[in-house]
Amino acid sequence: MKLNLTARLIPIFLLLSGCAHVALEGNSTSVETSQVLSPLVEPDLTIEPPSKPFTPEILFTLLVAEMGLKRDRYDIAITHYLHALSNAEDPGVAERATKLSFQAGAMAQALVAAQK
């Protein structure tokens, strides 16, 4: 029985793998992949450190915000991110607070975070 099933599956796999390598005839326009995949602007992937070091109070507030996210308490997370942003004035915290507020649908808080 097992041999019979294997004997039936082998031709099917061979047929499918053979069809995967068939070249299409007709209009074939060759485009270099460097033309297709080249981005218009190179992204800047450098991470800038905070302009000034975070105080222990700000670090604790950010930690509470992250724990709120971990527990799906977006209200706590947004509140603490905005509190940390008012004390830190850091662009990374502002970006995180803005994205989080948008994801949670809190547009008023997203506007406050985006203006910082």
PDB file of N, CA and C in Angstrom:
ATOM      1  N   MET A   1       0.834  -1.193   0.000  1.00  0.00           N
ATOM      2  CA  MET A   1       0.000   0.000   0.000  1.00  0.00           C
ATOM      3  C   MET A   1       0.872   1.247   0.000  1.00  0.00           C
ATOM      4  N   LYS A   2       1.916   1.263   0.876  1.00  0.00           N
ATOM      5  CA  LYS A   2       2.791   2.420   0.953  1.00  0.00           C
ATOM      6  C   LYS A   2       3.597   2.579  -0.327  1.00  0.00           C
ATOM      7  N   LEU A   3       4.022   1.484  -0.916  1.00  0.00           N
ATOM      8  CA  LEU A   3       4.774   1.515  -2.156  1.00  0.00           C
ATOM      9  C   LEU A   3       3.887   2.014  -3.293  1.00  0.00           C
ATOM     10  N   ASN A   4       2.635   1.610  -3.270  1.00  0.00           N
ATOM     11  CA  ASN A   4       1.692   2.043  -4.296  1.00  0.00           C
ATOM     12  C   ASN A   4       1.493   3.557  -4.233  1.00  0.00           C
ATOM     13  N   LEU A   5       1.395   4.126  -3.045  1.00  0.00           N
ATOM     14  CA  LEU A   5       1.225   5.561  -2.875  1.00  0.00           C
ATOM     15  C   LEU A   5       2.472   6.304  -3.336  1.00  0.00           C
ATOM     16  N   THR A   6       3.646   5.797  -3.008  1.00  0.00           N
ATOM     17  CA  THR A   6       4.893   6.400  -3.426  1.00  0.00           C
ATOM     18  C   THR A   6       5.027   6.345  -4.946  1.00  0.00           C
ATOM     19  N   ALA A   7       4.632   5.250  -5.543  1.00  0.00           N
ATOM     20  CA  ALA A   7       4.703   5.107  -6.993  1.00  0.00           C
ATOM     21  C   ALA A   7       3.781   6.092  -7.694  1.00  0.00           C
ATOM     22  N   ARG A   8       2.695   6.461  -7.082  1.00  0.00           N
ATOM     23  CA  ARG A   8       1.776   7.442  -7.667  1.00  0.00           C
ATOM     24  C   ARG A   8       2.268   8.874  -7.474  1.00  0.00           C
ATOM     25  N   LEU A   9       2.935   9.153  -6.359  1.00  0.00           N
ATOM     26  CA  LEU A   9       3.355  10.522  -6.065  1.00  0.00           C
ATOM     27  C   LEU A   9       4.609  10.938  -6.833  1.00  0.00           C
ATOM     28  N   ILE A  10       5.499   9.999  -7.125  1.00  0.00           N
ATOM     29  CA  ILE A  10       6.748  10.344  -7.816  1.00  0.00           C
ATOM     30  C   ILE A  10       6.482  10.958  -9.191  1.00  0.00           C
ATOM     31  N   PRO A  11       5.636  10.392 -10.044  1.00  0.00           N
ATOM     32  CA  PRO A  11       5.385  11.031 -11.344  1.00  0.00           C
ATOM     33  C   PRO A  11       4.738  12.416 -11.213  1.00  0.00           C
ATOM     34  N   ILE A  12       3.901  12.579 -10.210  1.00  0.00           N
ATOM     35  CA  ILE A  12       3.259  13.880 -10.008  1.00  0.00           C
ATOM     36  C   ILE A  12       4.308  14.929  -9.657  1.00  0.00           C
ATOM     37  N   PHE A  13       5.230  14.606  -8.749  1.00  0.00           N
ATOM     38  CA  PHE A  13       6.284  15.541  -8.383  1.00  0.00           C
ATOM     39  C   PHE A  13       7.195  15.852  -9.562  1.00  0.00           C
ATOM     40  N   LEU A  14       7.514  14.828 -10.368  1.00  0.00           N
ATOM     41  CA  LEU A  14       8.352  15.046 -11.545  1.00  0.00           C
ATOM     42  C   LEU A  14       7.655  15.940 -12.561  1.00  0.00           C
ATOM     43  N   LEU A  15       6.377  15.747 -12.749  1.00  0.00           N
ATOM     44  CA  LEU A  15       5.613  16.560 -13.676  1.00  0.00           C
ATOM     45  C   LEU A  15       5.564  18.014 -13.219  1.00  0.00           C
ATOM     46  N   LEU A  16       5.305  18.215 -11.930  1.00  0.00           N
ATOM     47  CA  LEU A  16       5.237  19.576 -11.409  1.00  0.00           C
ATOM     48  C   LEU A  16       6.589  20.278 -11.440  1.00  0.00           C
ATOM     49  N   SER A  17       7.642  19.571 -11.136  1.00  0.00           N
ATOM     50  CA  SER A  17       8.958  20.206 -11.167  1.00  0.00           C
ATOM     51  C   SER A  17       9.391  20.489 -12.598  1.00  0.00           C
ATOM     52  N   GLY A  18       8.987  19.674 -13.549  1.00  0.00           N
ATOM     53  CA  GLY A  18       9.298  19.928 -14.947  1.00  0.00           C
ATOM     54  C   GLY A  18       8.567  21.141 -15.476  1.00  0.00           C
ATOM     55  N   CYS A  19       7.341  21.342 -15.058  1.00  0.00           N
ATOM     56  CA  CYS A  19       6.572  22.502 -15.499  1.00  0.00           C
ATOM     57  C   CYS A  19       7.104  23.807 -14.909  1.00  0.00           C
ATOM     58  N   ALA A  20       7.768  23.702 -13.803  1.00  0.00           N
ATOM     59  CA  ALA A  20       8.288  24.910 -13.162  1.00  0.00           C
ATOM     60  C   ALA A  20       9.446  25.505 -13.933  1.00  0.00           C
ATOM     61  N   HIS A  21      10.112  24.695 -14.786  1.00  0.00           N
ATOM     62  CA  HIS A  21      11.285  25.174 -15.506  1.00  0.00           C
ATOM     63  C   HIS A  21      11.009  25.473 -16.967  1.00  0.00           C
ATOM     64  N   VAL A  22       9.777  25.458 -17.403  1.00  0.00           N
ATOM     65  CA  VAL A  22       9.444  25.732 -18.790  1.00  0.00           C
ATOM     66  C   VAL A  22       9.561  27.230 -19.028  1.00  0.00           C
ATOM     67  N   ALA A  23      10.296  27.617 -20.078  1.00  0.00           N
ATOM     68  CA  ALA A  23      10.459  29.028 -20.415  1.00  0.00           C
ATOM     69  C   ALA A  23       9.304  29.461 -21.297  1.00  0.00           C
ATOM     70  N   LEU A  24       8.830  30.671 -21.079  1.00  0.00           N
ATOM     71  CA  LEU A  24       7.757  31.221 -21.887  1.00  0.00           C
ATOM     72  C   LEU A  24       8.339  31.777 -23.176  1.00  0.00           C
ATOM     73  N   GLU A  25       7.695  31.482 -24.293  1.00  0.00           N
ATOM     74  CA  GLU A  25       8.139  32.004 -25.573  1.00  0.00           C
ATOM     75  C   GLU A  25       7.301  33.224 -25.913  1.00  0.00           C
ATOM     76  N   GLY A  26       7.821  34.050 -26.818  1.00  0.00           N
ATOM     77  CA  GLY A  26       7.069  35.221 -27.238  1.00  0.00           C
ATOM     78  C   GLY A  26       7.794  36.489 -26.829  1.00  0.00           C
ATOM     79  N   ASN A  27       7.047  37.473 -26.393  1.00  0.00           N
ATOM     80  CA  ASN A  27       7.635  38.752 -26.000  1.00  0.00           C
ATOM     81  C   ASN A  27       8.376  38.604 -24.690  1.00  0.00           C
ATOM     82  N   SER A  28       9.663  38.563 -24.766  1.00  0.00           N
ATOM     83  CA  SER A  28      10.447  38.517 -23.537  1.00  0.00           C
ATOM     84  C   SER A  28      11.322  39.757 -23.518  1.00  0.00           C
ATOM     85  N   THR A  29      10.992  40.655 -22.642  1.00  0.00           N
ATOM     86  CA  THR A  29      11.784  41.872 -22.502  1.00  0.00           C
ATOM     87  C   THR A  29      12.723  41.667 -21.353  1.00  0.00           C
ATOM     88  N   SER A  30      13.983  41.900 -21.607  1.00  0.00           N
ATOM     89  CA  SER A  30      14.958  41.710 -20.538  1.00  0.00           C
ATOM     90  C   SER A  30      15.206  43.050 -19.853  1.00  0.00           C
ATOM     91  N   VAL A  31      15.005  43.045 -18.572  1.00  0.00           N
ATOM     92  CA  VAL A  31      15.241  44.220 -17.751  1.00  0.00           C
ATOM     93  C   VAL A  31      16.261  43.827 -16.708  1.00  0.00           C
ATOM     94  N   GLU A  32      17.273  44.649 -16.577  1.00  0.00           N
ATOM     95  CA  GLU A  32      18.288  44.339 -15.579  1.00  0.00           C
ATOM     96  C   GLU A  32      17.700  44.503 -14.190  1.00  0.00           C
ATOM     97  N   THR A  33      18.101  43.607 -13.297  1.00  0.00           N
ATOM     98  CA  THR A  33      17.554  43.672 -11.946  1.00  0.00           C
ATOM     99  C   THR A  33      18.033  44.900 -11.202  1.00  0.00           C
ATOM    100  N   SER A  34      19.184  45.433 -11.579  1.00  0.00           N
ATOM    101  CA  SER A  34      19.658  46.641 -10.902  1.00  0.00           C
ATOM    102  C   SER A  34      18.758  47.827 -11.211  1.00  0.00           C
ATOM    103  N   GLN A  35      18.122  47.828 -12.415  1.00  0.00           N
ATOM    104  CA  GLN A  35      17.202  48.906 -12.755  1.00  0.00           C
ATOM    105  C   GLN A  35      15.897  48.777 -11.980  1.00  0.00           C
ATOM    106  N   VAL A  36      15.451  47.563 -11.798  1.00  0.00           N
ATOM    107  CA  VAL A  36      14.175  47.330 -11.130  1.00  0.00           C
ATOM    108  C   VAL A  36      14.300  47.504  -9.622  1.00  0.00           C
ATOM    109  N   LEU A  37      15.381  47.014  -9.043  1.00  0.00           N
ATOM    110  CA  LEU A  37      15.501  46.966  -7.601  1.00  0.00           C
ATOM    111  C   LEU A  37      16.209  48.162  -6.983  1.00  0.00           C
ATOM    112  N   SER A  38      16.728  49.069  -7.789  1.00  0.00           N
ATOM    113  CA  SER A  38      17.468  50.184  -7.205  1.00  0.00           C
ATOM    114  C   SER A  38      16.497  51.190  -6.588  1.00  0.00           C
ATOM    115  N   PRO A  39      16.655  51.501  -5.323  1.00  0.00           N
ATOM    116  CA  PRO A  39      15.771  52.474  -4.687  1.00  0.00           C
ATOM    117  C   PRO A  39      16.112  53.891  -5.139  1.00  0.00           C
ATOM    118  N   LEU A  40      15.126  54.755  -5.057  1.00  0.00           N
ATOM    119  CA  LEU A  40      15.352  56.143  -5.438  1.00  0.00           C
ATOM    120  C   LEU A  40      16.238  56.860  -4.431  1.00  0.00           C
ATOM    121  N   VAL A  41      16.017  56.570  -3.168  1.00  0.00           N
ATOM    122  CA  VAL A  41      16.788  57.201  -2.103  1.00  0.00           C
ATOM    123  C   VAL A  41      17.327  56.112  -1.204  1.00  0.00           C
ATOM    124  N   GLU A  42      18.588  56.185  -0.897  1.00  0.00           N
ATOM    125  CA  GLU A  42      19.176  55.219   0.022  1.00  0.00           C
ATOM    126  C   GLU A  42      18.686  55.521   1.438  1.00  0.00           C
ATOM    127  N   PRO A  43      18.126  54.538   2.151  1.00  0.00           N
ATOM    128  CA  PRO A  43      17.662  54.801   3.512  1.00  0.00           C
ATOM    129  C   PRO A  43      18.834  55.009   4.466  1.00  0.00           C
ATOM    130  N   ASP A  44      18.629  55.890   5.403  1.00  0.00           N
ATOM    131  CA  ASP A  44      19.643  56.154   6.419  1.00  0.00           C
ATOM    132  C   ASP A  44      19.347  55.252   7.608  1.00  0.00           C
ATOM    133  N   LEU A  45      20.200  54.261   7.811  1.00  0.00           N
ATOM    134  CA  LEU A  45      19.961  53.262   8.848  1.00  0.00           C
ATOM    135  C   LEU A  45      20.765  53.513  10.112  1.00  0.00           C
ATOM    136  N   THR A  46      21.358  54.672  10.225  1.00  0.00           N
ATOM    137  CA  THR A  46      22.125  54.961  11.434  1.00  0.00           C
ATOM    138  C   THR A  46      21.170  55.370  12.548  1.00  0.00           C
ATOM    139  N   ILE A  47      21.481  54.918  13.722  1.00  0.00           N
ATOM    140  CA  ILE A  47      20.678  55.249  14.895  1.00  0.00           C
ATOM    141  C   ILE A  47      21.430  56.302  15.689  1.00  0.00           C
ATOM    142  N   GLU A  48      20.762  57.407  15.879  1.00  0.00           N
ATOM    143  CA  GLU A  48      21.397  58.476  16.623  1.00  0.00           C
ATOM    144  C   GLU A  48      21.127  58.293  18.122  1.00  0.00           C
ATOM    145  N   PRO A  49      22.140  58.464  18.930  1.00  0.00           N
ATOM    146  CA  PRO A  49      21.920  58.371  20.376  1.00  0.00           C
ATOM    147  C   PRO A  49      21.130  59.584  20.857  1.00  0.00           C
ATOM    148  N   PRO A  50      20.521  59.484  22.017  1.00  0.00           N
ATOM    149  CA  PRO A  50      19.776  60.626  22.546  1.00  0.00           C
ATOM    150  C   PRO A  50      20.694  61.831  22.713  1.00  0.00           C
ATOM    151  N   SER A  51      20.093  63.018  22.558  1.00  0.00           N
ATOM    152  CA  SER A  51      20.890  64.242  22.662  1.00  0.00           C
ATOM    153  C   SER A  51      21.481  64.403  24.061  1.00  0.00           C
ATOM    154  N   LYS A  52      20.745  63.990  25.056  1.00  0.00           N
ATOM    155  CA  LYS A  52      21.282  63.981  26.421  1.00  0.00           C
ATOM    156  C   LYS A  52      20.857  62.678  27.084  1.00  0.00           C
ATOM    157  N   PRO A  53      21.614  62.181  28.025  1.00  0.00           N
ATOM    158  CA  PRO A  53      21.260  60.894  28.646  1.00  0.00           C
ATOM    159  C   PRO A  53      19.924  60.984  29.391  1.00  0.00           C
ATOM    160  N   PHE A  54      19.219  59.859  29.382  1.00  0.00           N
ATOM    161  CA  PHE A  54      17.953  59.798  30.099  1.00  0.00           C
ATOM    162  C   PHE A  54      18.213  59.747  31.600  1.00  0.00           C
ATOM    163  N   THR A  55      17.353  60.412  32.323  1.00  0.00           N
ATOM    164  CA  THR A  55      17.420  60.336  33.781  1.00  0.00           C
ATOM    165  C   THR A  55      16.787  59.009  34.223  1.00  0.00           C
ATOM    166  N   PRO A  56      17.042  58.581  35.437  1.00  0.00           N
ATOM    167  CA  PRO A  56      16.404  57.339  35.918  1.00  0.00           C
ATOM    168  C   PRO A  56      14.878  57.420  35.891  1.00  0.00           C
ATOM    169  N   GLU A  57      14.319  58.601  36.134  1.00  0.00           N
ATOM    170  CA  GLU A  57      12.858  58.756  36.095  1.00  0.00           C
ATOM    171  C   GLU A  57      12.315  58.507  34.687  1.00  0.00           C
ATOM    172  N   ILE A  58      12.999  59.040  33.684  1.00  0.00           N
ATOM    173  CA  ILE A  58      12.556  58.849  32.300  1.00  0.00           C
ATOM    174  C   ILE A  58      12.709  57.387  31.898  1.00  0.00           C
ATOM    175  N   LEU A  59      13.806  56.763  32.280  1.00  0.00           N
ATOM    176  CA  LEU A  59      13.994  55.348  31.969  1.00  0.00           C
ATOM    177  C   LEU A  59      12.914  54.486  32.603  1.00  0.00           C
ATOM    178  N   PHE A  60      12.552  54.807  33.847  1.00  0.00           N
ATOM    179  CA  PHE A  60      11.496  54.049  34.517  1.00  0.00           C
ATOM    180  C   PHE A  60      10.167  54.247  33.795  1.00  0.00           C
ATOM    181  N   THR A  61       9.890  55.473  33.378  1.00  0.00           N
ATOM    182  CA  THR A  61       8.646  55.760  32.665  1.00  0.00           C
ATOM    183  C   THR A  61       8.590  55.003  31.342  1.00  0.00           C
ATOM    184  N   LEU A  62       9.709  54.959  30.621  1.00  0.00           N
ATOM    185  CA  LEU A  62       9.754  54.207  29.365  1.00  0.00           C
ATOM    186  C   LEU A  62       9.597  52.706  29.602  1.00  0.00           C
ATOM    187  N   LEU A  63      10.160  52.222  30.687  1.00  0.00           N
ATOM    188  CA  LEU A  63      10.016  50.810  31.030  1.00  0.00           C
ATOM    189  C   LEU A  63       8.569  50.463  31.350  1.00  0.00           C
ATOM    190  N   VAL A  64       7.892  51.327  32.084  1.00  0.00           N
ATOM    191  CA  VAL A  64       6.471  51.103  32.394  1.00  0.00           C
ATOM    192  C   VAL A  64       5.654  51.117  31.104  1.00  0.00           C
ATOM    193  N   ALA A  65       5.992  52.030  30.184  1.00  0.00           N
ATOM    194  CA  ALA A  65       5.283  52.095  28.903  1.00  0.00           C
ATOM    195  C   ALA A  65       5.479  50.806  28.108  1.00  0.00           C
ATOM    196  N   GLU A  66       6.687  50.303  28.064  1.00  0.00           N
ATOM    197  CA  GLU A  66       6.947  49.057  27.339  1.00  0.00           C
ATOM    198  C   GLU A  66       6.249  47.865  27.987  1.00  0.00           C
ATOM    199  N   MET A  67       6.184  47.847  29.309  1.00  0.00           N
ATOM    200  CA  MET A  67       5.460  46.772  29.985  1.00  0.00           C
ATOM    201  C   MET A  67       3.964  46.861  29.696  1.00  0.00           C
ATOM    202  N   GLY A  68       3.452  48.081  29.587  1.00  0.00           N
ATOM    203  CA  GLY A  68       2.054  48.253  29.189  1.00  0.00           C
ATOM    204  C   GLY A  68       1.788  47.690  27.802  1.00  0.00           C
ATOM    205  N   LEU A  69       2.735  47.919  26.891  1.00  0.00           N
ATOM    206  CA  LEU A  69       2.600  47.349  25.550  1.00  0.00           C
ATOM    207  C   LEU A  69       2.626  45.830  25.591  1.00  0.00           C
ATOM    208  N   LYS A  70       3.513  45.299  26.395  1.00  0.00           N
ATOM    209  CA  LYS A  70       3.651  43.846  26.497  1.00  0.00           C
ATOM    210  C   LYS A  70       2.346  43.204  26.970  1.00  0.00           C
ATOM    211  N   ARG A  71       1.599  43.944  27.776  1.00  0.00           N
ATOM    212  CA  ARG A  71       0.335  43.423  28.324  1.00  0.00           C
ATOM    213  C   ARG A  71      -0.887  43.946  27.585  1.00  0.00           C
ATOM    214  N   ASP A  72      -0.662  44.525  26.398  1.00  0.00           N
ATOM    215  CA  ASP A  72      -1.741  45.062  25.554  1.00  0.00           C
ATOM    216  C   ASP A  72      -2.542  46.159  26.238  1.00  0.00           C
ATOM    217  N   ARG A  73      -1.887  46.936  27.073  1.00  0.00           N
ATOM    218  CA  ARG A  73      -2.518  48.090  27.712  1.00  0.00           C
ATOM    219  C   ARG A  73      -2.002  49.356  27.039  1.00  0.00           C
ATOM    220  N   TYR A  74      -2.596  49.655  25.890  1.00  0.00           N
ATOM    221  CA  TYR A  74      -2.129  50.782  25.102  1.00  0.00           C
ATOM    222  C   TYR A  74      -2.374  52.118  25.796  1.00  0.00           C
ATOM    223  N   ASP A  75      -3.410  52.187  26.609  1.00  0.00           N
ATOM    224  CA  ASP A  75      -3.681  53.432  27.326  1.00  0.00           C
ATOM    225  C   ASP A  75      -2.535  53.769  28.278  1.00  0.00           C
ATOM    226  N   ILE A  76      -2.050  52.777  28.993  1.00  0.00           N
ATOM    227  CA  ILE A  76      -0.929  52.987  29.921  1.00  0.00           C
ATOM    228  C   ILE A  76       0.341  53.327  29.137  1.00  0.00           C
ATOM    229  N   ALA A  77       0.560  52.609  28.051  1.00  0.00           N
ATOM    230  CA  ALA A  77       1.769  52.832  27.264  1.00  0.00           C
ATOM    231  C   ALA A  77       1.803  54.237  26.673  1.00  0.00           C
ATOM    232  N   ILE A  78       0.702  54.663  26.099  1.00  0.00           N
ATOM    233  CA  ILE A  78       0.657  55.996  25.478  1.00  0.00           C
ATOM    234  C   ILE A  78       0.832  57.078  26.532  1.00  0.00           C
ATOM    235  N   THR A  79       0.157  56.933  27.659  1.00  0.00           N
ATOM    236  CA  THR A  79       0.274  57.924  28.732  1.00  0.00           C
ATOM    237  C   THR A  79       1.717  58.052  29.207  1.00  0.00           C
ATOM    238  N   HIS A  80       2.379  56.937  29.402  1.00  0.00           N
ATOM    239  CA  HIS A  80       3.757  56.986  29.896  1.00  0.00           C
ATOM    240  C   HIS A  80       4.733  57.464  28.829  1.00  0.00           C
ATOM    241  N   TYR A  81       4.487  57.106  27.577  1.00  0.00           N
ATOM    242  CA  TYR A  81       5.356  57.629  26.515  1.00  0.00           C
ATOM    243  C   TYR A  81       5.226  59.142  26.406  1.00  0.00           C
ATOM    244  N   LEU A  82       4.012  59.650  26.502  1.00  0.00           N
ATOM    245  CA  LEU A  82       3.833  61.108  26.428  1.00  0.00           C
ATOM    246  C   LEU A  82       4.459  61.799  27.635  1.00  0.00           C
ATOM    247  N   HIS A  83       4.376  61.159  28.807  1.00  0.00           N
ATOM    248  CA  HIS A  83       5.022  61.724  29.996  1.00  0.00           C
ATOM    249  C   HIS A  83       6.547  61.738  29.820  1.00  0.00           C
ATOM    250  N   ALA A  84       7.104  60.657  29.305  1.00  0.00           N
ATOM    251  CA  ALA A  84       8.552  60.607  29.063  1.00  0.00           C
ATOM    252  C   ALA A  84       8.955  61.620  28.004  1.00  0.00           C
ATOM    253  N   LEU A  85       8.113  61.803  27.008  1.00  0.00           N
ATOM    254  CA  LEU A  85       8.409  62.759  25.947  1.00  0.00           C
ATOM    255  C   LEU A  85       8.408  64.195  26.465  1.00  0.00           C
ATOM    256  N   SER A  86       7.507  64.495  27.385  1.00  0.00           N
ATOM    257  CA  SER A  86       7.482  65.857  27.931  1.00  0.00           C
ATOM    258  C   SER A  86       8.728  66.156  28.754  1.00  0.00           C
ATOM    259  N   ASN A  87       9.335  65.128  29.338  1.00  0.00           N
ATOM    260  CA  ASN A  87      10.553  65.330  30.128  1.00  0.00           C
ATOM    261  C   ASN A  87      11.828  65.181  29.307  1.00  0.00           C
ATOM    262  N   ALA A  88      11.813  64.351  28.269  1.00  0.00           N
ATOM    263  CA  ALA A  88      13.047  64.020  27.566  1.00  0.00           C
ATOM    264  C   ALA A  88      13.263  64.854  26.309  1.00  0.00           C
ATOM    265  N   GLU A  89      12.206  65.155  25.572  1.00  0.00           N
ATOM    266  CA  GLU A  89      12.305  65.857  24.294  1.00  0.00           C
ATOM    267  C   GLU A  89      13.252  65.123  23.342  1.00  0.00           C
ATOM    268  N   ASP A  90      13.149  63.819  23.287  1.00  0.00           N
ATOM    269  CA  ASP A  90      14.006  62.997  22.432  1.00  0.00           C
ATOM    270  C   ASP A  90      13.237  62.617  21.172  1.00  0.00           C
ATOM    271  N   PRO A  91      13.854  62.755  19.980  1.00  0.00           N
ATOM    272  CA  PRO A  91      13.126  62.416  18.754  1.00  0.00           C
ATOM    273  C   PRO A  91      12.758  60.935  18.646  1.00  0.00           C
ATOM    274  N   GLY A  92      13.558  60.049  19.203  1.00  0.00           N
ATOM    275  CA  GLY A  92      13.239  58.629  19.168  1.00  0.00           C
ATOM    276  C   GLY A  92      12.010  58.302  20.004  1.00  0.00           C
ATOM    277  N   VAL A  93      11.907  58.930  21.152  1.00  0.00           N
ATOM    278  CA  VAL A  93      10.731  58.728  22.010  1.00  0.00           C
ATOM    279  C   VAL A  93       9.500  59.332  21.331  1.00  0.00           C
ATOM    280  N   ALA A  94       9.683  60.475  20.688  1.00  0.00           N
ATOM    281  CA  ALA A  94       8.559  61.114  19.988  1.00  0.00           C
ATOM    282  C   ALA A  94       8.061  60.238  18.845  1.00  0.00           C
ATOM    283  N   GLU A  95       8.987  59.649  18.114  1.00  0.00           N
ATOM    284  CA  GLU A  95       8.605  58.775  17.007  1.00  0.00           C
ATOM    285  C   GLU A  95       7.856  57.546  17.512  1.00  0.00           C
ATOM    286  N   ARG A  96       8.355  56.941  18.569  1.00  0.00           N
ATOM    287  CA  ARG A  96       7.718  55.737  19.129  1.00  0.00           C
ATOM    288  C   ARG A  96       6.331  56.074  19.672  1.00  0.00           C
ATOM    289  N   ALA A  97       6.224  57.200  20.356  1.00  0.00           N
ATOM    290  CA  ALA A  97       4.925  57.610  20.906  1.00  0.00           C
ATOM    291  C   ALA A  97       3.928  57.901  19.792  1.00  0.00           C
ATOM    292  N   THR A  98       4.391  58.527  18.722  1.00  0.00           N
ATOM    293  CA  THR A  98       3.503  58.840  17.604  1.00  0.00           C
ATOM    294  C   THR A  98       3.014  57.569  16.921  1.00  0.00           C
ATOM    295  N   LYS A  99       3.926  56.646  16.623  1.00  0.00           N
ATOM    296  CA  LYS A  99       3.530  55.392  15.967  1.00  0.00           C
ATOM    297  C   LYS A  99       2.568  54.584  16.827  1.00  0.00           C
ATOM    298  N   LEU A 100       2.866  54.519  18.103  1.00  0.00           N
ATOM    299  CA  LEU A 100       2.016  53.764  19.016  1.00  0.00           C
ATOM    300  C   LEU A 100       0.621  54.379  19.099  1.00  0.00           C
ATOM    301  N   SER A 101       0.560  55.693  19.166  1.00  0.00           N
ATOM    302  CA  SER A 101      -0.742  56.367  19.242  1.00  0.00           C
ATOM    303  C   SER A 101      -1.557  56.138  17.978  1.00  0.00           C
ATOM    304  N   PHE A 102      -0.899  56.190  16.818  1.00  0.00           N
ATOM    305  CA  PHE A 102      -1.603  55.910  15.566  1.00  0.00           C
ATOM    306  C   PHE A 102      -2.128  54.488  15.538  1.00  0.00           C
ATOM    307  N   GLN A 103      -1.311  53.546  15.959  1.00  0.00           N
ATOM    308  CA  GLN A 103      -1.733  52.147  15.955  1.00  0.00           C
ATOM    309  C   GLN A 103      -2.911  51.907  16.884  1.00  0.00           C
ATOM    310  N   ALA A 104      -2.930  52.634  17.987  1.00  0.00           N
ATOM    311  CA  ALA A 104      -4.012  52.453  18.957  1.00  0.00           C
ATOM    312  C   ALA A 104      -5.250  53.264  18.588  1.00  0.00           C
ATOM    313  N   GLY A 105      -5.116  54.153  17.590  1.00  0.00           N
ATOM    314  CA  GLY A 105      -6.246  54.973  17.185  1.00  0.00           C
ATOM    315  C   GLY A 105      -6.459  56.198  18.044  1.00  0.00           C
ATOM    316  N   ALA A 106      -5.470  56.569  18.834  1.00  0.00           N
ATOM    317  CA  ALA A 106      -5.557  57.750  19.689  1.00  0.00           C
ATOM    318  C   ALA A 106      -4.952  58.932  18.924  1.00  0.00           C
ATOM    319  N   MET A 107      -5.768  59.552  18.089  1.00  0.00           N
ATOM    320  CA  MET A 107      -5.260  60.590  17.193  1.00  0.00           C
ATOM    321  C   MET A 107      -4.856  61.867  17.927  1.00  0.00           C
ATOM    322  N   ALA A 108      -5.545  62.206  18.999  1.00  0.00           N
ATOM    323  CA  ALA A 108      -5.181  63.408  19.753  1.00  0.00           C
ATOM    324  C   ALA A 108      -3.797  63.250  20.372  1.00  0.00           C
ATOM    325  N   GLN A 109      -3.530  62.090  20.939  1.00  0.00           N
ATOM    326  CA  GLN A 109      -2.212  61.837  21.521  1.00  0.00           C
ATOM    327  C   GLN A 109      -1.144  61.734  20.431  1.00  0.00           C
ATOM    328  N   ALA A 110      -1.502  61.196  19.270  1.00  0.00           N
ATOM    329  CA  ALA A 110      -0.550  61.107  18.157  1.00  0.00           C
ATOM    330  C   ALA A 110      -0.164  62.505  17.682  1.00  0.00           C
ATOM    331  N   LEU A 111      -1.114  63.407  17.659  1.00  0.00           N
ATOM    332  CA  LEU A 111      -0.828  64.789  17.265  1.00  0.00           C
ATOM    333  C   LEU A 111       0.093  65.461  18.268  1.00  0.00           C
ATOM    334  N   VAL A 112      -0.160  65.239  19.547  1.00  0.00           N
ATOM    335  CA  VAL A 112       0.701  65.816  20.590  1.00  0.00           C
ATOM    336  C   VAL A 112       2.119  65.271  20.454  1.00  0.00           C
ATOM    337  N   ALA A 113       2.245  63.978  20.245  1.00  0.00           N
ATOM    338  CA  ALA A 113       3.573  63.376  20.125  1.00  0.00           C
ATOM    339  C   ALA A 113       4.282  63.837  18.854  1.00  0.00           C
ATOM    340  N   ALA A 114       3.552  63.977  17.772  1.00  0.00           N
ATOM    341  CA  ALA A 114       4.161  64.387  16.506  1.00  0.00           C
ATOM    342  C   ALA A 114       4.635  65.838  16.550  1.00  0.00           C
ATOM    343  N   GLN A 115       3.994  66.668  17.344  1.00  0.00           N
ATOM    344  CA  GLN A 115       4.395  68.069  17.429  1.00  0.00           C
ATOM    345  C   GLN A 115       5.629  68.280  18.283  1.00  0.00           C
ATOM    346  N   LYS A 116       6.055  67.271  19.019  1.00  0.00           N
ATOM    347  CA  LYS A 116       7.241  67.432  19.884  1.00  0.00           C
ATOM    348  C   LYS A 116       8.468  67.292  19.098  1.00  0.00           C
TER     349      LYS A 116
END
